[in-house]
Protein backbone atom coordinates (compact mmCIF):
# COMPACT_ATOMS: atom_id res chain seq x y z
CA MET A 1 69.82 -82.09 375.59
CA ARG A 2 71.52 -83.49 378.37
CA ILE A 3 70.82 -80.44 380.73
CA VAL A 4 66.98 -80.94 379.56
CA LEU A 5 67.28 -84.69 380.45
CA PHE A 6 68.72 -83.81 383.91
CA VAL A 7 66.15 -81.21 384.76
CA LEU A 8 63.18 -83.42 383.60
CA LEU A 9 64.79 -86.25 385.87
CA CYS A 10 64.99 -83.94 388.84
CA VAL A 11 61.44 -82.68 388.27
CA ILE A 12 60.23 -86.18 388.38
CA LEU A 13 62.44 -87.35 391.40
CA VAL A 14 60.95 -84.32 393.31
CA LYS A 15 57.58 -84.97 392.31
CA SER A 16 57.43 -88.80 393.08
CA GLU A 17 56.58 -90.18 396.38
CA PRO A 18 59.18 -92.11 398.35
CA LEU A 19 58.84 -95.95 398.00
CA LYS A 20 57.12 -97.26 400.95
CA THR A 21 57.86 -101.12 402.08
CA VAL A 22 55.38 -103.11 403.93
CA ARG A 23 57.29 -105.84 405.59
CA ALA A 24 55.60 -109.33 406.23
CA ALA A 25 56.94 -112.89 407.12
CA GLY A 26 55.73 -116.26 407.91
CA ALA A 27 54.23 -119.42 406.23
CA THR A 28 55.63 -120.64 402.95
CA PHE A 29 52.32 -122.16 401.54
CA PRO A 30 50.74 -118.85 401.00
CA GLN A 31 53.99 -117.19 399.48
CA ASP A 32 52.98 -117.44 395.97
CA VAL A 33 49.43 -115.91 396.56
CA TYR A 34 50.86 -113.04 398.53
CA GLN A 35 53.59 -112.41 395.58
CA SER A 36 50.67 -112.36 393.27
CA TRP A 37 48.57 -109.74 395.37
CA SER A 38 51.72 -107.74 395.97
CA SER A 39 52.44 -107.32 392.39
CA ALA A 40 48.73 -106.45 391.68
CA TYR A 41 48.92 -104.09 394.32
CA PHE A 42 52.04 -102.29 393.51
CA SER A 43 50.84 -102.00 389.87
CA GLU A 44 48.12 -100.02 391.09
CA ASN A 45 50.19 -98.32 393.87
CA PRO A 46 53.73 -97.85 392.85
CA ASN A 47 54.81 -96.14 395.74
CA VAL A 48 53.77 -99.25 398.13
CA PHE A 49 55.89 -102.51 397.78
CA VAL A 50 54.84 -105.41 399.86
CA ASP A 51 57.88 -107.66 401.00
CA TYR A 52 56.80 -111.17 402.01
CA GLU A 53 59.57 -113.50 403.51
CA PRO A 54 58.67 -116.91 403.72
CA THR A 55 60.10 -117.81 406.77
CA GLY A 56 57.85 -120.31 408.22
CA SER A 57 54.86 -119.69 410.59
CA THR A 58 56.73 -119.95 413.65
CA THR A 59 59.31 -117.36 412.80
CA GLY A 60 56.64 -115.11 411.39
CA LYS A 61 54.58 -115.44 414.52
CA LYS A 62 57.53 -114.68 416.78
CA ARG A 63 58.35 -111.43 414.42
CA ILE A 64 54.95 -109.95 414.56
CA VAL A 65 54.71 -110.67 418.49
CA ASN A 66 58.11 -109.26 419.09
CA GLY A 67 57.53 -106.29 417.12
CA THR A 68 60.58 -106.90 415.18
CA ASP A 69 60.17 -105.74 411.59
CA VAL A 70 57.14 -106.84 410.02
CA VAL A 71 53.33 -105.51 409.92
CA PHE A 72 51.71 -108.83 409.48
CA ALA A 73 52.80 -112.43 409.36
CA GLY A 74 51.21 -115.27 407.68
CA SER A 75 50.71 -118.64 409.53
CA ASP A 76 48.40 -121.93 409.42
CA SER A 77 47.89 -121.56 413.10
CA SER A 78 46.77 -118.87 415.70
CA LEU A 79 48.91 -117.44 418.30
CA SER A 80 48.56 -118.82 421.90
CA ASP A 81 46.58 -117.08 424.67
CA GLU A 82 50.04 -116.29 425.96
CA GLN A 83 51.43 -114.78 422.83
CA TYR A 84 48.27 -112.41 422.57
CA ALA A 85 48.80 -111.57 426.17
CA GLU A 86 52.13 -110.08 425.29
CA VAL A 87 50.71 -107.79 422.57
CA PRO A 88 47.05 -107.01 423.51
CA ASP A 89 46.45 -104.75 420.70
CA LEU A 90 47.75 -106.98 417.88
CA GLN A 91 44.97 -107.77 415.40
CA VAL A 92 45.05 -111.41 414.21
CA ASN A 93 43.22 -114.32 412.76
CA PHE A 94 42.25 -112.95 409.26
CA LYS A 95 41.87 -116.14 406.98
CA SER A 96 43.52 -115.13 403.67
CA ILE A 97 43.57 -118.50 402.25
CA ILE A 98 41.40 -121.58 402.81
CA VAL A 99 42.29 -124.97 401.17
CA PHE A 100 39.93 -127.75 401.05
């Protein structure tokens, strides 16, 4: 029985794709929304995990401009012209949450 379970586990591990983590950081305000979206996406795509760190807008923008370790940053303000000039191929300004 143990051998059968071990073989089954090995087959599952070999056939499953590795977990991919999408790292992001930034504003604290949208954290709950991003967490909800991440959970919903993960339930449909169990090999992709979105890890959003609520570090604050300034830190998120610094990390995306520096190319540190994030693929998107949440912020309540746009990058400055100088920041855009530092990273000309950076795609930004997607309004994900609008509050009235």
